[in-house]
């Protein structure tokens, strides 16, 4: 339970948080130097600016993702680094906002330096970091492996096979992420992906998919994923608010959207809090289920406590609605 001045009392849950955007800059700074990486930033504060998002440096989702691809994922690319990163995120989220139920997602293939390092060593190190944090803080935590839209099918298939292998060791689900302009719905291997996701579901893994985050694909991408992949959850999905019929489909299916307020505003997926408020109002009107998440706390300079305060200050959700969203998040978590 957590108590804020607004008297919100509920177990906080974060289902959508990327390892690449959630590690404290001072830890990333330390890891970069330990690994002998040559950085373009000469001082810690220059480095801090390099790996965090600001209105001056991030003008789109692509800018946001580039920070992770160019720096944070590279710095995290060793067993020692990923272990420390996973541990630090769970510990920090618990200490800063008392988030006691957390799912972390990352692409293990973007942490093994293009195959130079053994993939199983990366995964086992992440699992060890998770186990240690759970032991130390008593939180519940699980890992979600992200497939990449820019990867060929064969690499994504390997990631799913690894997720299945480590299912009982802390891996709880799979995700599809990456540039929305490269929709895997138009991939010639799409039918194989449908089968692959179904196999993962049958082996006990939870299914979530990044889609409908920006207007690059619009609501049609959400519809395609909903009908063919049938995920339990969808990452972001805010474009669905433009399509009344789609919102009705989401409500009937019971599919839960993983909303990330500050992320959508920072990446210009929405113009500001007023537009985000209008989107959420439509979801409430049509009975579309959603949860509140941080996406990349350190990269976005936020945490769950701040997200709650911003949602209340901008009249997006009431205390009761926030409480309901966290209760829903716990019930639809892939952590069993």
Protein backbone atom coordinates (compact mmCIF):
# COMPACT_ATOMS: atom_id res chain seq x y z
CA UNK A 1 0.00 0.00 0.00
CA UNK A 2 1.13 3.56 -0.61
CA UNK A 3 -0.17 6.79 0.88
CA UNK A 4 0.09 10.14 -0.85
CA UNK A 5 -1.18 13.54 0.24
CA UNK A 6 -4.14 12.96 -2.12
CA UNK A 7 -4.98 9.89 0.05
CA UNK A 8 -4.67 7.50 -2.88
CA UNK A 9 -4.16 4.10 -1.28
CA UNK A 10 -3.35 1.24 -3.61
CA UNK A 11 -0.53 -1.11 -4.52
CA UNK A 12 1.30 0.59 -7.38
CA UNK A 13 1.97 -1.45 -10.50
CA UNK A 14 4.06 -0.63 -13.58
CA UNK A 15 3.54 -2.99 -16.52
CA UNK A 16 5.32 -1.01 -19.23
CA UNK A 17 8.86 0.03 -18.43
CA UNK A 18 11.88 -0.35 -20.72
CA UNK A 19 15.23 -1.26 -19.21
CA UNK A 20 16.85 1.03 -21.80
CA UNK A 21 15.08 4.09 -20.40
CA UNK A 22 14.89 3.32 -16.72
CA UNK A 23 18.43 3.19 -15.31
CA UNK A 24 19.82 6.11 -13.33
CA UNK A 25 22.39 8.20 -15.26
CA UNK A 26 25.00 7.83 -12.52
CA UNK A 27 24.80 4.03 -12.88
CA UNK A 28 25.03 4.28 -16.67
CA UNK A 29 28.02 6.63 -16.29
CA UNK A 30 29.73 4.15 -14.00
CA UNK A 31 29.04 1.18 -16.30
CA UNK A 32 30.29 3.04 -19.37
CA UNK A 33 33.60 3.80 -17.66
CA UNK A 34 33.96 0.31 -16.25
CA UNK A 35 33.65 -1.04 -19.79
CA UNK A 36 36.11 1.48 -21.20
CA UNK A 37 33.60 3.08 -23.54
CA UNK A 38 34.55 6.26 -25.34
CA UNK A 39 31.83 8.81 -24.70
CA UNK A 40 31.12 12.10 -26.51
CA UNK A 41 30.36 13.68 -23.13
CA UNK A 42 33.37 14.86 -21.12
CA UNK A 43 31.54 15.48 -17.84
CA UNK A 44 28.83 13.61 -15.97
CA UNK A 45 26.34 16.42 -16.49
CA UNK A 46 26.93 16.45 -20.24
CA UNK A 47 26.35 12.69 -20.16
CA UNK A 48 23.15 13.20 -18.16
CA UNK A 49 21.86 15.49 -20.88
CA UNK A 50 22.89 12.95 -23.53
CA UNK A 51 20.80 10.08 -22.16
CA UNK A 52 17.70 11.91 -20.92
CA UNK A 53 14.88 13.41 -22.94
CA UNK A 54 14.15 17.14 -22.97
CA UNK A 55 12.02 19.41 -25.19
CA UNK A 56 15.26 20.62 -26.78
CA UNK A 57 16.52 17.15 -27.78
CA UNK A 58 13.40 15.04 -28.27
CA UNK A 59 10.84 16.10 -30.85
CA UNK A 60 9.46 12.70 -31.87
CA UNK A 61 9.28 9.05 -30.94
CA UNK A 62 12.23 8.43 -33.24
CA UNK A 63 14.38 10.90 -31.27
CA UNK A 64 13.37 9.18 -28.04
CA UNK A 65 14.16 5.68 -29.32
CA UNK A 66 17.49 6.83 -30.78
CA UNK A 67 18.76 7.72 -27.32
CA UNK A 68 18.30 4.09 -26.28
CA UNK A 69 19.71 2.64 -29.50
CA UNK A 70 22.76 4.90 -29.61
CA UNK A 71 23.72 4.89 -25.94
CA UNK A 72 21.76 3.18 -23.19
CA UNK A 73 21.41 -0.22 -24.88
CA UNK A 74 25.11 -0.24 -25.77
CA UNK A 75 26.15 0.60 -22.22
CA UNK A 76 23.92 -2.19 -20.92
CA UNK A 77 25.46 -4.75 -23.29
CA UNK A 78 27.27 -7.14 -20.98
CA UNK A 79 26.12 -9.67 -18.39
CA UNK A 80 27.46 -7.55 -15.54
CA UNK A 81 25.79 -4.40 -16.88
CA UNK A 82 22.35 -5.89 -17.51
CA UNK A 83 22.33 -7.57 -14.10
CA UNK A 84 23.09 -4.30 -12.34
CA UNK A 85 20.56 -2.41 -14.47
CA UNK A 86 17.66 -4.79 -13.81
CA UNK A 87 18.41 -4.80 -10.09
CA UNK A 88 18.68 -1.01 -9.91
CA UNK A 89 15.37 -0.38 -11.70
CA UNK A 90 13.33 -2.58 -9.38
CA UNK A 91 15.08 -1.12 -6.34
CA UNK A 92 14.66 2.47 -7.49
CA UNK A 93 10.98 2.13 -8.47
CA UNK A 94 10.24 0.59 -5.09
CA UNK A 95 12.16 3.26 -3.17
CA UNK A 96 10.97 6.29 -5.15
CA UNK A 97 7.27 5.46 -5.56
CA UNK A 98 6.73 2.16 -3.72
CA UNK A 99 6.00 0.36 -6.98
CA UNK A 100 5.84 -3.17 -5.64
CA UNK A 101 4.70 -4.96 -8.81
CA UNK A 102 6.79 -4.33 -11.92
CA UNK A 103 7.33 -5.84 -15.36
CA UNK A 104 10.55 -4.86 -17.13
CA UNK A 105 10.98 -5.27 -20.87
CA UNK A 106 14.06 -5.37 -23.05
CA UNK A 107 15.45 -7.03 -26.15
CA UNK A 108 18.23 -9.42 -25.07
CA UNK A 109 19.68 -9.43 -28.61
CA UNK A 110 20.29 -5.69 -28.33
CA UNK A 111 22.46 -6.43 -25.28
CA UNK A 112 24.79 -9.11 -26.74
CA UNK A 113 26.74 -6.84 -29.11
CA UNK A 114 25.48 -8.36 -32.31
CA UNK A 115 26.29 -11.89 -31.24
CA UNK A 116 29.72 -11.23 -29.73
CA UNK A 117 28.37 -12.24 -26.36
CA UNK A 118 26.40 -15.36 -25.51
CA UNK A 119 22.67 -14.63 -25.41
CA UNK A 120 22.04 -17.02 -22.54
CA UNK A 121 24.64 -15.27 -20.40
CA UNK A 122 22.84 -11.95 -20.96
CA UNK A 123 19.46 -13.47 -20.08
CA UNK A 124 20.71 -15.32 -17.02
CA UNK A 125 22.37 -12.16 -15.73
CA UNK A 126 19.09 -10.24 -16.12
CA UNK A 127 17.23 -13.00 -14.29
CA UNK A 128 19.81 -12.93 -11.50
CA UNK A 129 19.45 -9.16 -11.12
CA UNK A 130 15.68 -9.57 -10.92
CA UNK A 131 15.88 -12.36 -8.35
CA UNK A 132 18.24 -10.37 -6.15
CA UNK A 133 16.03 -7.27 -6.23
CA UNK A 134 12.93 -9.31 -5.42
CA UNK A 135 14.78 -10.91 -2.51
CA UNK A 136 16.05 -7.58 -1.19
CA UNK A 137 12.87 -5.51 -1.57
CA UNK A 138 10.03 -8.05 -1.50
CA UNK A 139 8.58 -6.72 -4.75
CA UNK A 140 7.03 -8.84 -7.47
CA UNK A 141 8.84 -8.58 -10.79
CA UNK A 142 9.03 -10.22 -14.19
CA UNK A 143 10.80 -9.80 -17.52
CA UNK A 144 9.22 -9.29 -20.94
CA UNK A 145 11.35 -9.95 -24.01
CA UNK A 146 10.87 -7.46 -26.84
CA UNK A 147 10.95 -8.65 -30.42
CA UNK A 148 12.07 -5.98 -32.90
CA UNK A 149 10.17 -4.94 -36.01
CA UNK A 150 13.48 -4.17 -37.69
CA UNK A 151 14.78 -7.71 -37.05
CA UNK A 152 14.31 -10.55 -39.56
CA UNK A 153 11.81 -13.20 -38.48
CA UNK A 154 14.55 -15.72 -37.66
CA UNK A 155 16.07 -13.50 -34.95
CA UNK A 156 12.70 -12.74 -33.40
CA UNK A 157 11.91 -16.44 -33.36
CA UNK A 158 15.08 -17.07 -31.34
CA UNK A 159 13.99 -14.44 -28.79
CA UNK A 160 10.64 -16.20 -28.38
CA UNK A 161 12.36 -19.57 -27.96
CA UNK A 162 14.55 -18.05 -25.24
CA UNK A 163 11.49 -16.56 -23.53
CA UNK A 164 9.87 -19.99 -23.47
CA UNK A 165 13.05 -21.55 -22.11
CA UNK A 166 13.29 -19.04 -19.26
CA UNK A 167 9.55 -18.85 -18.59
CA UNK A 168 9.84 -20.44 -15.16
CA UNK A 169 12.89 -18.36 -14.30
CA UNK A 170 11.36 -14.90 -14.36
CA UNK A 171 10.46 -14.27 -18.02
CA UNK A 172 6.70 -13.72 -18.13
CA UNK A 173 5.87 -12.43 -21.62
CA UNK A 174 6.87 -11.21 -25.06
CA UNK A 175 6.35 -7.93 -26.86
CA UNK A 176 6.82 -6.54 -30.36
CA UNK A 177 8.46 -3.12 -30.41
CA UNK A 178 10.43 -0.92 -32.76
CA UNK A 179 9.80 1.78 -35.39
CA UNK A 180 6.08 2.01 -36.11
CA UNK A 181 6.71 2.97 -39.72
CA UNK A 182 7.96 -0.61 -40.13
CA UNK A 183 4.78 -2.42 -39.21
CA UNK A 184 5.17 -6.15 -38.93
CA UNK A 185 1.60 -6.46 -40.21
CA UNK A 186 2.97 -5.68 -43.69
CA UNK A 187 5.87 -8.11 -43.21
CA UNK A 188 5.78 -11.07 -45.63
CA UNK A 189 6.34 -13.24 -42.54
CA UNK A 190 3.25 -11.89 -40.78
CA UNK A 191 1.43 -15.23 -40.86
CA UNK A 192 4.46 -16.86 -39.27
CA UNK A 193 4.37 -14.23 -36.54
CA UNK A 194 0.71 -15.00 -35.86
CA UNK A 195 1.66 -18.64 -35.35
CA UNK A 196 4.73 -17.73 -33.27
CA UNK A 197 2.72 -15.56 -30.89
CA UNK A 198 0.11 -18.27 -30.55
CA UNK A 199 2.78 -20.82 -29.67
CA UNK A 200 4.17 -18.46 -27.04
CA UNK A 201 0.70 -18.04 -25.56
CA UNK A 202 0.22 -21.79 -25.40
CA UNK A 203 3.50 -22.13 -23.51
CA UNK A 204 2.22 -19.74 -20.84
CA UNK A 205 3.76 -16.43 -21.91
CA UNK A 206 1.77 -13.22 -21.79
CA UNK A 207 1.41 -11.27 -25.06
CA UNK A 208 1.64 -7.52 -25.50
CA UNK A 209 2.39 -5.50 -28.64
CA UNK A 210 3.54 -1.92 -29.18
CA UNK A 211 1.15 -0.37 -31.68
CA UNK A 212 -0.94 2.75 -32.22
CA UNK A 213 1.53 4.96 -30.39
CA UNK A 214 1.81 7.60 -33.12
CA UNK A 215 -0.10 8.58 -36.24
CA UNK A 216 2.51 6.80 -38.39
CA UNK A 217 0.12 3.88 -38.74
CA UNK A 218 -3.06 5.16 -37.12
CA UNK A 219 -5.83 3.03 -35.64
CA UNK A 220 -5.67 0.42 -38.43
CA UNK A 221 -2.46 -1.02 -36.98
CA UNK A 222 -4.19 -1.50 -33.64
CA UNK A 223 -7.10 -3.24 -35.38
CA UNK A 224 -4.76 -5.61 -37.24
CA UNK A 225 -2.93 -6.58 -34.06
CA UNK A 226 -6.17 -6.98 -32.13
CA UNK A 227 -7.78 -9.26 -34.70
CA UNK A 228 -4.79 -11.39 -35.72
CA UNK A 229 -2.40 -11.46 -32.74
CA UNK A 230 -5.11 -11.16 -30.06
CA UNK A 231 -2.78 -9.86 -27.33
CA UNK A 232 -3.94 -9.55 -23.75
CA UNK A 233 -2.46 -6.05 -23.71
CA UNK A 234 -1.35 -3.37 -26.16
CA UNK A 235 1.51 -0.96 -25.55
CA UNK A 236 0.18 2.61 -25.87
CA UNK A 237 -2.61 2.13 -28.47
CA UNK A 238 -3.74 5.75 -28.16
CA UNK A 239 -4.51 5.96 -31.91
CA UNK A 240 -7.53 3.75 -31.22
CA UNK A 241 -9.27 6.82 -29.80
CA UNK A 242 -9.74 8.04 -33.40
CA UNK A 243 -11.91 5.06 -34.31
CA UNK A 244 -15.24 4.48 -32.56
CA UNK A 245 -15.71 0.98 -33.98
CA UNK A 246 -12.21 -0.04 -32.89
CA UNK A 247 -12.78 1.18 -29.35
CA UNK A 248 -15.89 -0.96 -29.21
CA UNK A 249 -13.85 -3.96 -30.42
CA UNK A 250 -11.23 -3.36 -27.74
CA UNK A 251 -13.90 -3.12 -25.06
CA UNK A 252 -15.59 -6.33 -26.17
CA UNK A 253 -12.26 -8.18 -26.37
CA UNK A 254 -11.22 -6.89 -22.94
CA UNK A 255 -7.81 -5.92 -24.33
CA UNK A 256 -5.96 -3.62 -21.95
CA UNK A 257 -4.00 -0.60 -23.17
CA UNK A 258 -0.74 0.24 -21.43
CA UNK A 259 -0.91 4.03 -21.36
CA UNK A 260 2.28 6.03 -20.75
CA UNK A 261 1.26 9.69 -20.24
CA UNK A 262 4.57 11.56 -19.97
CA UNK A 263 6.10 9.43 -22.71
CA UNK A 264 3.35 10.28 -25.20
CA UNK A 265 3.62 13.99 -24.40
CA UNK A 266 7.42 14.09 -24.51
CA UNK A 267 7.58 12.26 -27.88
CA UNK A 268 4.84 14.49 -29.34
CA UNK A 269 2.55 11.51 -29.88
CA UNK A 270 -0.01 13.88 -28.34
CA UNK A 271 0.14 17.67 -28.24
CA UNK A 272 -0.21 18.00 -24.50
CA UNK A 273 -2.23 17.15 -21.43
CA UNK A 274 -5.48 18.43 -22.89
CA UNK A 275 -5.28 16.04 -25.85
CA UNK A 276 -4.24 13.18 -23.60
CA UNK A 277 -7.22 13.97 -21.35
CA UNK A 278 -9.55 13.83 -24.37
CA UNK A 279 -8.13 10.47 -25.43
CA UNK A 280 -8.59 8.98 -21.97
CA UNK A 281 -12.13 10.40 -21.81
CA UNK A 282 -12.99 8.50 -25.01
CA UNK A 283 -11.56 5.28 -23.64
CA UNK A 284 -13.66 5.69 -20.51
CA UNK A 285 -16.75 6.48 -22.60
CA UNK A 286 -16.41 3.31 -24.67
CA UNK A 287 -15.30 1.06 -21.85
CA UNK A 288 -11.74 0.51 -23.10
CA UNK A 289 -9.56 -0.81 -20.28
CA UNK A 290 -6.21 0.84 -19.58
CA UNK A 291 -3.36 1.00 -17.09
CA UNK A 292 -0.93 3.80 -16.23
CA UNK A 293 2.80 3.24 -16.74
CA UNK A 294 6.09 5.15 -16.87
CA UNK A 295 7.73 3.70 -20.04
CA UNK A 296 11.23 5.12 -19.36
CA UNK A 297 11.41 6.86 -15.96
CA UNK A 298 14.97 8.16 -16.03
CA UNK A 299 15.06 8.91 -19.73
CA UNK A 300 11.80 10.87 -19.31
CA UNK A 301 12.75 12.27 -15.89
CA UNK A 302 9.66 10.86 -14.22
CA UNK A 303 8.43 8.12 -11.87
CA UNK A 304 5.07 6.66 -10.93
CA UNK A 305 4.52 9.17 -8.13
CA UNK A 306 4.99 12.02 -10.60
CA UNK A 307 2.69 10.39 -13.17
CA UNK A 308 -0.06 10.14 -10.56
CA UNK A 309 0.38 13.77 -9.56
CA UNK A 310 0.30 14.97 -13.19
CA UNK A 311 -2.83 12.98 -13.99
CA UNK A 312 -4.58 14.47 -10.99
CA UNK A 313 -3.35 18.03 -11.57
CA UNK A 314 -4.53 17.94 -15.20
CA UNK A 315 -7.89 16.36 -14.31
CA UNK A 316 -7.24 13.36 -16.52
CA UNK A 317 -8.26 10.84 -13.86
CA UNK A 318 -9.76 11.02 -10.39
CA UNK A 319 -8.26 9.30 -7.37
CA UNK A 320 -10.87 6.54 -7.62
CA UNK A 321 -10.15 6.03 -11.33
CA UNK A 322 -6.42 5.84 -10.65
CA UNK A 323 -7.02 3.30 -7.92
CA UNK A 324 -9.12 1.23 -10.33
CA UNK A 325 -6.41 1.40 -13.00
CA UNK A 326 -3.78 0.03 -10.61
CA UNK A 327 -6.11 -2.72 -9.42
CA UNK A 328 -6.71 -3.62 -13.06
CA UNK A 329 -2.96 -3.58 -13.74
CA UNK A 330 -2.38 -6.08 -10.97
CA UNK A 331 -5.12 -8.37 -12.29
CA UNK A 332 -3.81 -8.36 -15.88
CA UNK A 333 -0.14 -8.64 -14.98
CA UNK A 334 1.74 -11.54 -16.56
CA UNK A 335 3.33 -12.24 -13.17
CA UNK A 336 1.42 -15.09 -11.57
